[in-house]
């Protein structure tokens, strides 16, 4: 929780994408199935004689889905490069792109499912869908300061995401709801870590600073066929600054103690673009401690226990 941010809630799941391989190779995969399913995948990976590793991969999937208007179409690409400038300095970059569009069938009553369990919601209008477009890049630089035995890391991130939904309603008040959320994020994490042995105790200390800037744009329209359209449009600026530290001590290789702390300072400016006088400013600060230990009474068994006060900042709403 101290190391991984205010959204970690005492832990994280680490997802590892493919790394560049040593030897060059190309892989391809195609698949076809029922309901118009098609899948295509290809990647290439290798390392140059100068030590520069490269991975490029792309994937495409398309299906009509089991029900009417339950289609899905998605494409994604991943490009990773990594290399060492010298024995002390290494650079890693990962670029990811994804474009997904998914149809929404809507719910069915039991009587409707008996007639045709594959139909769309008969009370709605054909065309409900959700789109998600994502582009992000992460550039990490690692530097080993040999004279002081400290590893410095800097992770610079950029993310651009658009999430749009279109939902139709039938019945007594027919209409269409269009909701769009666009988010542009700049982030940076600077971290220093050091490991040493003192008096038979193995120790590791991690110190760091994280900042993040989110610009969110949220236009919304409900086109009511009876009373006319209703619209709103908001813009949200979110700023996060966090400081974290974690200390790990290994005693006699059978007892490990972890202690950490994180302080977050978050500010929001929420703008109503139709009514500027409704601008709001929000602020949240929190100190999050954590402590845990692991005991290994015998090599085949271990006991672990931890306590932390997790912090999840309120969202922009």
C-alpha atoms as a PDB file:
ATOM      1  CA  UNK A   1       0.000   0.000   0.000  1.00  0.00           C
ATOM      2  CA  UNK A   2       2.698   2.598   0.741  1.00  0.00           C
ATOM      3  CA  UNK A   3       4.586   1.834  -2.469  1.00  0.00           C
ATOM      4  CA  UNK A   4       1.758   1.386  -4.933  1.00  0.00           C
ATOM      5  CA  UNK A   5      -0.500   4.380  -4.377  1.00  0.00           C
ATOM      6  CA  UNK A   6      -3.795   5.478  -2.860  1.00  0.00           C
ATOM      7  CA  UNK A   7      -5.761   3.033  -4.994  1.00  0.00           C
ATOM      8  CA  UNK A   8      -3.811  -0.050  -3.912  1.00  0.00           C
ATOM      9  CA  UNK A   9      -6.002  -0.756  -0.831  1.00  0.00           C
ATOM     10  CA  UNK A  10      -3.276  -2.750   0.949  1.00  0.00           C
ATOM     11  CA  UNK A  11      -2.148  -4.684  -2.094  1.00  0.00           C
ATOM     12  CA  UNK A  12      -1.753  -4.884  -5.864  1.00  0.00           C
ATOM     13  CA  UNK A  13      -2.028  -7.423  -8.650  1.00  0.00           C
ATOM     14  CA  UNK A  14       1.017  -7.260 -10.894  1.00  0.00           C
ATOM     15  CA  UNK A  15       0.341  -7.878 -14.591  1.00  0.00           C
ATOM     16  CA  UNK A  16       3.464  -8.630 -16.584  1.00  0.00           C
ATOM     17  CA  UNK A  17       3.411  -8.248 -20.348  1.00  0.00           C
ATOM     18  CA  UNK A  18       5.811 -10.098 -22.616  1.00  0.00           C
ATOM     19  CA  UNK A  19       9.479  -9.127 -22.482  1.00  0.00           C
ATOM     20  CA  UNK A  20      11.827  -8.993 -25.475  1.00  0.00           C
ATOM     21  CA  UNK A  21      13.459 -12.363 -26.085  1.00  0.00           C
ATOM     22  CA  UNK A  22      17.141 -12.958 -26.651  1.00  0.00           C
ATOM     23  CA  UNK A  23      16.771 -14.609 -30.062  1.00  0.00           C
ATOM     24  CA  UNK A  24      14.599 -13.228 -32.857  1.00  0.00           C
ATOM     25  CA  UNK A  25      11.332 -14.982 -33.576  1.00  0.00           C
ATOM     26  CA  UNK A  26       7.864 -14.342 -35.006  1.00  0.00           C
ATOM     27  CA  UNK A  27       4.645 -15.935 -33.748  1.00  0.00           C
ATOM     28  CA  UNK A  28       1.214 -15.931 -35.362  1.00  0.00           C
ATOM     29  CA  UNK A  29      -2.141 -17.332 -34.326  1.00  0.00           C
ATOM     30  CA  UNK A  30      -5.552 -17.424 -36.000  1.00  0.00           C
ATOM     31  CA  UNK A  31      -8.830 -18.822 -34.698  1.00  0.00           C
ATOM     32  CA  UNK A  32     -12.394 -19.001 -35.968  1.00  0.00           C
ATOM     33  CA  UNK A  33     -15.543 -20.075 -34.151  1.00  0.00           C
ATOM     34  CA  UNK A  34     -19.313 -19.917 -34.050  1.00  0.00           C
ATOM     35  CA  UNK A  35     -21.300 -16.664 -33.947  1.00  0.00           C
ATOM     36  CA  UNK A  36     -18.883 -15.026 -36.362  1.00  0.00           C
ATOM     37  CA  UNK A  37     -15.872 -15.330 -34.042  1.00  0.00           C
ATOM     38  CA  UNK A  38     -12.511 -14.387 -35.523  1.00  0.00           C
ATOM     39  CA  UNK A  39      -9.202 -13.961 -33.678  1.00  0.00           C
ATOM     40  CA  UNK A  40      -5.862 -12.894 -35.112  1.00  0.00           C
ATOM     41  CA  UNK A  41      -2.587 -12.475 -33.238  1.00  0.00           C
ATOM     42  CA  UNK A  42       0.989 -11.835 -34.306  1.00  0.00           C
ATOM     43  CA  UNK A  43       4.130 -10.768 -32.471  1.00  0.00           C
ATOM     44  CA  UNK A  44       7.835 -10.404 -33.114  1.00  0.00           C
ATOM     45  CA  UNK A  45      10.618 -10.221 -30.546  1.00  0.00           C
ATOM     46  CA  UNK A  46      14.383 -10.233 -30.267  1.00  0.00           C
ATOM     47  CA  UNK A  47      17.540  -8.449 -29.128  1.00  0.00           C
ATOM     48  CA  UNK A  48      20.063  -6.685 -31.356  1.00  0.00           C
ATOM     49  CA  UNK A  49      23.806  -7.240 -31.197  1.00  0.00           C
ATOM     50  CA  UNK A  50      24.063  -3.896 -29.382  1.00  0.00           C
ATOM     51  CA  UNK A  51      21.825  -5.243 -26.581  1.00  0.00           C
ATOM     52  CA  UNK A  52      18.594  -3.422 -27.526  1.00  0.00           C
ATOM     53  CA  UNK A  53      15.555  -5.624 -26.881  1.00  0.00           C
ATOM     54  CA  UNK A  54      12.371  -5.156 -28.923  1.00  0.00           C
ATOM     55  CA  UNK A  55       8.894  -6.667 -28.669  1.00  0.00           C
ATOM     56  CA  UNK A  56       5.994  -5.837 -31.027  1.00  0.00           C
ATOM     57  CA  UNK A  57       2.626  -7.555 -30.751  1.00  0.00           C
ATOM     58  CA  UNK A  58      -0.852  -7.032 -32.167  1.00  0.00           C
ATOM     59  CA  UNK A  59      -4.228  -8.673 -31.625  1.00  0.00           C
ATOM     60  CA  UNK A  60      -7.666  -8.408 -33.260  1.00  0.00           C
ATOM     61  CA  UNK A  61     -10.917 -10.111 -32.223  1.00  0.00           C
ATOM     62  CA  UNK A  62     -14.419  -9.906 -33.676  1.00  0.00           C
ATOM     63  CA  UNK A  63     -17.652 -11.738 -32.851  1.00  0.00           C
ATOM     64  CA  UNK A  64     -21.365 -11.290 -33.488  1.00  0.00           C
ATOM     65  CA  UNK A  65     -22.138 -12.639 -30.011  1.00  0.00           C
ATOM     66  CA  UNK A  66     -24.775 -15.101 -28.926  1.00  0.00           C
ATOM     67  CA  UNK A  67     -27.571 -12.512 -28.660  1.00  0.00           C
ATOM     68  CA  UNK A  68     -28.670  -9.783 -31.023  1.00  0.00           C
ATOM     69  CA  UNK A  69     -26.600  -6.651 -30.497  1.00  0.00           C
ATOM     70  CA  UNK A  70     -24.032  -8.458 -28.346  1.00  0.00           C
ATOM     71  CA  UNK A  71     -21.225  -8.013 -30.845  1.00  0.00           C
ATOM     72  CA  UNK A  72     -17.672  -7.237 -29.830  1.00  0.00           C
ATOM     73  CA  UNK A  73     -14.781  -5.881 -31.868  1.00  0.00           C
ATOM     74  CA  UNK A  74     -11.398  -5.193 -30.338  1.00  0.00           C
ATOM     75  CA  UNK A  75      -7.867  -4.490 -31.445  1.00  0.00           C
ATOM     76  CA  UNK A  76      -4.728  -3.866 -29.400  1.00  0.00           C
ATOM     77  CA  UNK A  77      -0.997  -3.426 -29.857  1.00  0.00           C
ATOM     78  CA  UNK A  78       1.999  -3.515 -27.528  1.00  0.00           C
ATOM     79  CA  UNK A  79       5.490  -2.209 -28.297  1.00  0.00           C
ATOM     80  CA  UNK A  80       8.284  -2.621 -25.757  1.00  0.00           C
ATOM     81  CA  UNK A  81      11.928  -1.631 -25.956  1.00  0.00           C
ATOM     82  CA  UNK A  82      14.636  -2.037 -23.356  1.00  0.00           C
ATOM     83  CA  UNK A  83      18.362  -1.729 -23.240  1.00  0.00           C
ATOM     84  CA  UNK A  84      21.398  -0.827 -21.187  1.00  0.00           C
ATOM     85  CA  UNK A  85      23.317   2.351 -21.844  1.00  0.00           C
ATOM     86  CA  UNK A  86      26.104   1.020 -19.619  1.00  0.00           C
ATOM     87  CA  UNK A  87      26.492  -1.220 -16.563  1.00  0.00           C
ATOM     88  CA  UNK A  88      24.818   1.383 -14.317  1.00  0.00           C
ATOM     89  CA  UNK A  89      22.038   2.798 -16.523  1.00  0.00           C
ATOM     90  CA  UNK A  90      19.131   1.000 -18.213  1.00  0.00           C
ATOM     91  CA  UNK A  91      16.061   2.312 -20.072  1.00  0.00           C
ATOM     92  CA  UNK A  92      12.688   0.607 -20.634  1.00  0.00           C
ATOM     93  CA  UNK A  93       9.706   1.870 -22.628  1.00  0.00           C
ATOM     94  CA  UNK A  94       6.285   0.291 -23.138  1.00  0.00           C
ATOM     95  CA  UNK A  95       3.592   1.645 -25.469  1.00  0.00           C
ATOM     96  CA  UNK A  96       0.099   0.145 -25.470  1.00  0.00           C
ATOM     97  CA  UNK A  97      -2.947   0.870 -27.611  1.00  0.00           C
ATOM     98  CA  UNK A  98      -6.430  -0.672 -27.465  1.00  0.00           C
ATOM     99  CA  UNK A  99      -9.723   0.042 -29.247  1.00  0.00           C
ATOM    100  CA  UNK A 100     -12.834  -1.886 -28.178  1.00  0.00           C
ATOM    101  CA  UNK A 101     -16.510  -1.660 -29.119  1.00  0.00           C
ATOM    102  CA  UNK A 102     -19.133  -3.844 -27.458  1.00  0.00           C
ATOM    103  CA  UNK A 103     -22.863  -4.174 -28.086  1.00  0.00           C
ATOM    104  CA  UNK A 104     -25.272  -4.205 -25.138  1.00  0.00           C
ATOM    105  CA  UNK A 105     -28.260  -6.528 -25.515  1.00  0.00           C
ATOM    106  CA  UNK A 106     -30.270  -5.399 -22.498  1.00  0.00           C
ATOM    107  CA  UNK A 107     -32.283  -7.555 -20.066  1.00  0.00           C
ATOM    108  CA  UNK A 108     -35.033 -10.035 -20.983  1.00  0.00           C
ATOM    109  CA  UNK A 109     -38.108 -11.032 -19.023  1.00  0.00           C
ATOM    110  CA  UNK A 110     -38.599 -14.798 -18.500  1.00  0.00           C
ATOM    111  CA  UNK A 111     -41.484 -14.747 -20.972  1.00  0.00           C
ATOM    112  CA  UNK A 112     -39.347 -12.954 -23.551  1.00  0.00           C
ATOM    113  CA  UNK A 113     -36.502 -15.441 -23.092  1.00  0.00           C
ATOM    114  CA  UNK A 114     -38.926 -18.313 -23.762  1.00  0.00           C
ATOM    115  CA  UNK A 115     -39.910 -16.739 -27.080  1.00  0.00           C
ATOM    116  CA  UNK A 116     -36.350 -15.952 -28.219  1.00  0.00           C
ATOM    117  CA  UNK A 117     -33.498 -16.085 -25.737  1.00  0.00           C
ATOM    118  CA  UNK A 118     -31.128 -14.591 -28.309  1.00  0.00           C
ATOM    119  CA  UNK A 119     -33.072 -11.391 -28.934  1.00  0.00           C
ATOM    120  CA  UNK A 120     -32.078  -7.929 -27.793  1.00  0.00           C
ATOM    121  CA  UNK A 121     -34.162  -6.106 -25.193  1.00  0.00           C
ATOM    122  CA  UNK A 122     -37.492  -5.660 -27.047  1.00  0.00           C
ATOM    123  CA  UNK A 123     -38.339  -2.542 -24.997  1.00  0.00           C
ATOM    124  CA  UNK A 124     -35.147  -0.770 -25.981  1.00  0.00           C
ATOM    125  CA  UNK A 125     -33.779   0.419 -29.274  1.00  0.00           C
ATOM    126  CA  UNK A 126     -31.216  -1.447 -31.289  1.00  0.00           C
ATOM    127  CA  UNK A 127     -27.803   0.184 -31.083  1.00  0.00           C
ATOM    128  CA  UNK A 128     -26.800   0.216 -27.394  1.00  0.00           C
ATOM    129  CA  UNK A 129     -23.043  -0.048 -27.176  1.00  0.00           C
ATOM    130  CA  UNK A 130     -19.930   0.767 -25.167  1.00  0.00           C
ATOM    131  CA  UNK A 131     -16.641   1.925 -26.653  1.00  0.00           C
ATOM    132  CA  UNK A 132     -13.289   2.089 -24.880  1.00  0.00           C
ATOM    133  CA  UNK A 133     -10.188   3.600 -26.505  1.00  0.00           C
ATOM    134  CA  UNK A 134      -6.908   3.586 -24.602  1.00  0.00           C
ATOM    135  CA  UNK A 135      -3.392   4.788 -25.409  1.00  0.00           C
ATOM    136  CA  UNK A 136      -0.636   4.782 -22.818  1.00  0.00           C
ATOM    137  CA  UNK A 137       3.127   4.935 -22.594  1.00  0.00           C
ATOM    138  CA  UNK A 138       5.505   4.264 -19.726  1.00  0.00           C
ATOM    139  CA  UNK A 139       9.186   5.234 -19.790  1.00  0.00           C
ATOM    140  CA  UNK A 140      11.345   3.888 -16.953  1.00  0.00           C
ATOM    141  CA  UNK A 141      14.967   4.770 -16.294  1.00  0.00           C
ATOM    142  CA  UNK A 142      16.996   2.841 -13.701  1.00  0.00           C
ATOM    143  CA  UNK A 143      20.335   4.129 -12.449  1.00  0.00           C
ATOM    144  CA  UNK A 144      22.637   2.392  -9.987  1.00  0.00           C
ATOM    145  CA  UNK A 145      24.581   4.966  -7.951  1.00  0.00           C
ATOM    146  CA  UNK A 146      27.541   2.711  -7.226  1.00  0.00           C
ATOM    147  CA  UNK A 147      29.415   4.907  -4.715  1.00  0.00           C
ATOM    148  CA  UNK A 148      26.435   4.955  -2.315  1.00  0.00           C
ATOM    149  CA  UNK A 149      24.883   1.585  -3.332  1.00  0.00           C
ATOM    150  CA  UNK A 150      21.482   3.113  -4.123  1.00  0.00           C
ATOM    151  CA  UNK A 151      19.163   2.206  -7.001  1.00  0.00           C
ATOM    152  CA  UNK A 152      17.282   5.202  -8.439  1.00  0.00           C
ATOM    153  CA  UNK A 153      14.247   4.649 -10.680  1.00  0.00           C
ATOM    154  CA  UNK A 154      12.075   7.132 -12.534  1.00  0.00           C
ATOM    155  CA  UNK A 155       8.813   6.079 -14.210  1.00  0.00           C
ATOM    156  CA  UNK A 156       7.204   8.680 -16.471  1.00  0.00           C
ATOM    157  CA  UNK A 157       3.698   7.831 -17.648  1.00  0.00           C
ATOM    158  CA  UNK A 158       1.107   9.166 -20.086  1.00  0.00           C
ATOM    159  CA  UNK A 159      -2.424   7.822 -20.604  1.00  0.00           C
ATOM    160  CA  UNK A 160      -5.267   8.937 -22.873  1.00  0.00           C
ATOM    161  CA  UNK A 161      -8.597   7.158 -22.518  1.00  0.00           C
ATOM    162  CA  UNK A 162     -12.066   7.705 -24.017  1.00  0.00           C
ATOM    163  CA  UNK A 163     -15.033   5.719 -22.688  1.00  0.00           C
ATOM    164  CA  UNK A 164     -18.348   6.305 -24.446  1.00  0.00           C
ATOM    165  CA  UNK A 165     -21.678   4.593 -23.850  1.00  0.00           C
ATOM    166  CA  UNK A 166     -24.913   4.776 -25.792  1.00  0.00           C
ATOM    167  CA  UNK A 167     -28.032   3.318 -24.189  1.00  0.00           C
ATOM    168  CA  UNK A 168     -31.572   3.391 -25.526  1.00  0.00           C
ATOM    169  CA  UNK A 169     -34.836   3.174 -23.604  1.00  0.00           C
ATOM    170  CA  UNK A 170     -38.318   2.243 -24.821  1.00  0.00           C
ATOM    171  CA  UNK A 171     -41.594   2.081 -22.950  1.00  0.00           C
ATOM    172  CA  UNK A 172     -43.532   5.144 -21.802  1.00  0.00           C
ATOM    173  CA  UNK A 173     -40.505   7.490 -21.910  1.00  0.00           C
ATOM    174  CA  UNK A 174     -38.387   6.472 -24.874  1.00  0.00           C
ATOM    175  CA  UNK A 175     -35.022   8.100 -25.363  1.00  0.00           C
ATOM    176  CA  UNK A 176     -31.301   7.689 -25.809  1.00  0.00           C
ATOM    177  CA  UNK A 177     -28.592   8.301 -23.223  1.00  0.00           C
ATOM    178  CA  UNK A 178     -25.119   9.271 -24.465  1.00  0.00           C
ATOM    179  CA  UNK A 179     -22.357   9.471 -21.865  1.00  0.00           C
ATOM    180  CA  UNK A 180     -18.710  10.195 -22.646  1.00  0.00           C
ATOM    181  CA  UNK A 181     -15.712  10.240 -20.311  1.00  0.00           C
ATOM    182  CA  UNK A 182     -12.352  11.389 -21.645  1.00  0.00           C
ATOM    183  CA  UNK A 183      -9.320  11.263 -19.348  1.00  0.00           C
ATOM    184  CA  UNK A 184      -5.787  12.488 -20.000  1.00  0.00           C
ATOM    185  CA  UNK A 185      -3.235  11.583 -17.355  1.00  0.00           C
ATOM    186  CA  UNK A 186       0.375  12.610 -16.797  1.00  0.00           C
ATOM    187  CA  UNK A 187       2.263  10.866 -13.979  1.00  0.00           C
ATOM    188  CA  UNK A 188       5.741  10.393 -12.601  1.00  0.00           C
ATOM    189  CA  UNK A 189       7.226   8.271  -9.820  1.00  0.00           C
ATOM    190  CA  UNK A 190      10.737   8.791  -8.455  1.00  0.00           C
ATOM    191  CA  UNK A 191      12.016   6.052  -6.179  1.00  0.00           C
ATOM    192  CA  UNK A 192      15.269   5.235  -4.383  1.00  0.00           C
ATOM    193  CA  UNK A 193      16.032   1.837  -2.830  1.00  0.00           C
ATOM    194  CA  UNK A 194      18.989   0.537  -0.859  1.00  0.00           C
ATOM    195  CA  UNK A 195      19.838  -2.903   0.544  1.00  0.00           C
ATOM    196  CA  UNK A 196      22.472  -3.652   3.150  1.00  0.00           C
ATOM    197  CA  UNK A 197      23.453  -6.022   5.954  1.00  0.00           C
ATOM    198  CA  UNK A 198      24.185  -4.666   9.417  1.00  0.00           C
ATOM    199  CA  UNK A 199      24.887  -6.823  12.458  1.00  0.00           C
ATOM    200  CA  UNK A 200      23.545  -9.919  10.701  1.00  0.00           C
ATOM    201  CA  UNK A 201      20.305  -8.147   9.751  1.00  0.00           C
ATOM    202  CA  UNK A 202      19.416  -7.828   6.070  1.00  0.00           C
ATOM    203  CA  UNK A 203      17.629  -4.544   5.432  1.00  0.00           C
ATOM    204  CA  UNK A 204      15.936  -2.801   2.521  1.00  0.00           C
ATOM    205  CA  UNK A 205      14.742   0.816   2.468  1.00  0.00           C
ATOM    206  CA  UNK A 206      12.560   2.341  -0.265  1.00  0.00           C
ATOM    207  CA  UNK A 207      11.759   6.066  -0.462  1.00  0.00           C
ATOM    208  CA  UNK A 208       9.781   7.800  -3.180  1.00  0.00           C
ATOM    209  CA  UNK A 209       7.542  10.565  -4.476  1.00  0.00           C
ATOM    210  CA  UNK A 210       4.590  10.217  -6.846  1.00  0.00           C
ATOM    211  CA  UNK A 211       2.624  12.891  -8.675  1.00  0.00           C
ATOM    212  CA  UNK A 212      -0.288  12.586 -11.068  1.00  0.00           C
ATOM    213  CA  UNK A 213      -2.389  15.052 -13.057  1.00  0.00           C
ATOM    214  CA  UNK A 214      -5.780  13.986 -14.475  1.00  0.00           C
ATOM    215  CA  UNK A 215      -7.841  16.112 -16.861  1.00  0.00           C
ATOM    216  CA  UNK A 216     -11.339  14.630 -17.185  1.00  0.00           C
ATOM    217  CA  UNK A 217     -14.065  15.748 -19.599  1.00  0.00           C
ATOM    218  CA  UNK A 218     -17.596  14.367 -19.139  1.00  0.00           C
ATOM    219  CA  UNK A 219     -20.384  15.483 -21.524  1.00  0.00           C
ATOM    220  CA  UNK A 220     -23.769  13.773 -21.076  1.00  0.00           C
ATOM    221  CA  UNK A 221     -26.980  13.899 -23.122  1.00  0.00           C
ATOM    222  CA  UNK A 222     -30.345  12.233 -22.594  1.00  0.00           C
ATOM    223  CA  UNK A 223     -32.451  12.678 -25.695  1.00  0.00           C
ATOM    224  CA  UNK A 224     -35.980  12.215 -24.383  1.00  0.00           C
ATOM    225  CA  UNK A 225     -38.445  11.795 -27.258  1.00  0.00           C
ATOM    226  CA  UNK A 226     -41.283  13.264 -25.179  1.00  0.00           C
ATOM    227  CA  UNK A 227     -39.792  16.262 -23.356  1.00  0.00           C
ATOM    228  CA  UNK A 228     -36.711  17.034 -25.420  1.00  0.00           C
ATOM    229  CA  UNK A 229     -32.975  16.598 -24.715  1.00  0.00           C
ATOM    230  CA  UNK A 230     -31.344  17.083 -21.301  1.00  0.00           C
ATOM    231  CA  UNK A 231     -27.639  17.909 -21.257  1.00  0.00           C
ATOM    232  CA  UNK A 232     -24.797  18.370 -18.817  1.00  0.00           C
ATOM    233  CA  UNK A 233     -21.077  18.853 -19.283  1.00  0.00           C
ATOM    234  CA  UNK A 234     -18.373  18.807 -16.660  1.00  0.00           C
ATOM    235  CA  UNK A 235     -14.620  19.156 -16.642  1.00  0.00           C
ATOM    236  CA  UNK A 236     -12.528  17.904 -13.723  1.00  0.00           C
ATOM    237  CA  UNK A 237      -8.895  18.642 -12.873  1.00  0.00           C
ATOM    238  CA  UNK A 238      -7.371  16.209 -10.372  1.00  0.00           C
ATOM    239  CA  UNK A 239      -3.914  16.641  -8.845  1.00  0.00           C
ATOM    240  CA  UNK A 240      -2.204  14.035  -6.639  1.00  0.00           C
ATOM    241  CA  UNK A 241       1.067  14.271  -4.720  1.00  0.00           C
ATOM    242  CA  UNK A 242       2.146  11.317  -2.622  1.00  0.00           C
ATOM    243  CA  UNK A 243       5.191  10.500  -0.482  1.00  0.00           C
ATOM    244  CA  UNK A 244       6.003   6.947   0.565  1.00  0.00           C
ATOM    245  CA  UNK A 245       8.575   4.943   2.520  1.00  0.00           C
ATOM    246  CA  UNK A 246       8.975   1.262   3.343  1.00  0.00           C
ATOM    247  CA  UNK A 247      11.565  -0.523   5.502  1.00  0.00           C
ATOM    248  CA  UNK A 248      12.111  -4.286   5.415  1.00  0.00           C
ATOM    249  CA  UNK A 249      14.240  -6.128   7.977  1.00  0.00           C
ATOM    250  CA  UNK A 250      15.216  -9.815   7.835  1.00  0.00           C
ATOM    251  CA  UNK A 251      16.199 -11.311  11.196  1.00  0.00           C
ATOM    252  CA  UNK A 252      18.040 -14.649  11.177  1.00  0.00           C
ATOM    253  CA  UNK A 253      16.374 -15.545   7.844  1.00  0.00           C
ATOM    254  CA  UNK A 254      13.349 -16.746   9.838  1.00  0.00           C
ATOM    255  CA  UNK A 255      11.652 -13.501  10.783  1.00  0.00           C
ATOM    256  CA  UNK A 256      10.884 -10.697   8.327  1.00  0.00           C
ATOM    257  CA  UNK A 257       9.421  -7.354   9.390  1.00  0.00           C
ATOM    258  CA  UNK A 258       7.891  -4.817   6.967  1.00  0.00           C
ATOM    259  CA  UNK A 259       6.823  -1.296   7.935  1.00  0.00           C
ATOM    260  CA  UNK A 260       5.664   1.485   5.646  1.00  0.00           C
ATOM    261  CA  UNK A 261       3.908   4.824   5.514  1.00  0.00           C
ATOM    262  CA  UNK A 262       2.390   6.967   2.774  1.00  0.00           C
ATOM    263  CA  UNK A 263       1.031  10.515   2.731  1.00  0.00           C
ATOM    264  CA  UNK A 264      -1.333  11.670  -0.023  1.00  0.00           C
ATOM    265  CA  UNK A 265      -2.462  15.178  -0.908  1.00  0.00           C
ATOM    266  CA  UNK A 266      -5.188  15.344  -3.588  1.00  0.00           C
ATOM    267  CA  UNK A 267      -6.990  18.366  -5.037  1.00  0.00           C
ATOM    268  CA  UNK A 268      -9.966  18.528  -7.414  1.00  0.00           C
ATOM    269  CA  UNK A 269     -11.371  21.427  -9.407  1.00  0.00           C
ATOM    270  CA  UNK A 270     -14.824  20.494 -10.747  1.00  0.00           C
ATOM    271  CA  UNK A 271     -16.258  22.759 -13.432  1.00  0.00           C
ATOM    272  CA  UNK A 272     -19.834  22.852 -14.707  1.00  0.00           C
ATOM    273  CA  UNK A 273     -19.362  24.097 -18.266  1.00  0.00           C
ATOM    274  CA  UNK A 274     -23.036  25.036 -18.632  1.00  0.00           C
ATOM    275  CA  UNK A 275     -23.198  26.830 -15.270  1.00  0.00           C
ATOM    276  CA  UNK A 276     -19.712  28.158 -14.358  1.00  0.00           C
ATOM    277  CA  UNK A 277     -20.977  29.487 -11.005  1.00  0.00           C
ATOM    278  CA  UNK A 278     -21.304  25.875  -9.803  1.00  0.00           C
ATOM    279  CA  UNK A 279     -17.521  25.343  -9.788  1.00  0.00           C
ATOM    280  CA  UNK A 280     -16.375  23.261  -6.804  1.00  0.00           C
ATOM    281  CA  UNK A 281     -12.991  22.770  -5.178  1.00  0.00           C
ATOM    282  CA  UNK A 282     -12.324  19.636  -3.136  1.00  0.00           C
ATOM    283  CA  UNK A 283      -9.279  18.525  -1.151  1.00  0.00           C
ATOM    284  CA  UNK A 284      -8.295  15.273   0.522  1.00  0.00           C
ATOM    285  CA  UNK A 285      -5.212  14.401   2.599  1.00  0.00           C
ATOM    286  CA  UNK A 286      -4.418  11.183   4.400  1.00  0.00           C
ATOM    287  CA  UNK A 287      -1.582   9.375   6.188  1.00  0.00           C
ATOM    288  CA  UNK A 288      -1.622   5.598   5.590  1.00  0.00           C
ATOM    289  CA  UNK A 289       0.535   3.339   7.804  1.00  0.00           C
ATOM    290  CA  UNK A 290       1.190  -0.379   7.340  1.00  0.00           C
ATOM    291  CA  UNK A 291       3.131  -3.084   9.171  1.00  0.00           C
ATOM    292  CA  UNK A 292       3.541  -6.797   8.605  1.00  0.00           C
ATOM    293  CA  UNK A 293       5.723  -9.735   9.588  1.00  0.00           C
ATOM    294  CA  UNK A 294       6.507 -13.234   8.393  1.00  0.00           C
ATOM    295  CA  UNK A 295       7.794 -16.065  10.575  1.00  0.00           C
ATOM    296  CA  UNK A 296       9.386 -19.234   9.188  1.00  0.00           C
ATOM    297  CA  UNK A 297       9.501 -21.766  12.055  1.00  0.00           C
ATOM    298  CA  UNK A 298      10.622 -24.498   9.623  1.00  0.00           C
ATOM    299  CA  UNK A 299      11.740 -24.293   5.975  1.00  0.00           C
ATOM    300  CA  UNK A 300       8.492 -25.904   4.771  1.00  0.00           C
ATOM    301  CA  UNK A 301       6.109 -23.492   6.535  1.00  0.00           C
ATOM    302  CA  UNK A 302       5.613 -19.770   7.052  1.00  0.00           C
ATOM    303  CA  UNK A 303       3.150 -17.589   8.956  1.00  0.00           C
ATOM    304  CA  UNK A 304       2.312 -14.119   7.649  1.00  0.00           C
ATOM    305  CA  UNK A 305       0.281 -11.330   9.232  1.00  0.00           C
ATOM    306  CA  UNK A 306      -0.167  -7.680   8.322  1.00  0.00           C
ATOM    307  CA  UNK A 307      -2.114  -4.569   9.242  1.00  0.00           C
ATOM    308  CA  UNK A 308      -2.635  -1.457   7.185  1.00  0.00           C
ATOM    309  CA  UNK A 309      -4.955   1.504   7.039  1.00  0.00           C
ATOM    310  CA  UNK A 310      -5.770   1.597   3.359  1.00  0.00           C
ATOM    311  CA  UNK A 311      -6.787   4.844   1.703  1.00  0.00           C
ATOM    312  CA  UNK A 312      -9.017   5.139  -1.362  1.00  0.00           C
ATOM    313  CA  UNK A 313      -9.580   8.715  -2.366  1.00  0.00           C
ATOM    314  CA  UNK A 314     -13.127   9.760  -3.312  1.00  0.00           C
ATOM    315  CA  UNK A 315     -13.749   9.938  -7.034  1.00  0.00           C
ATOM    316  CA  UNK A 316     -14.527  13.154  -8.846  1.00  0.00           C
ATOM    317  CA  UNK A 317     -18.242  12.854  -8.100  1.00  0.00           C
END
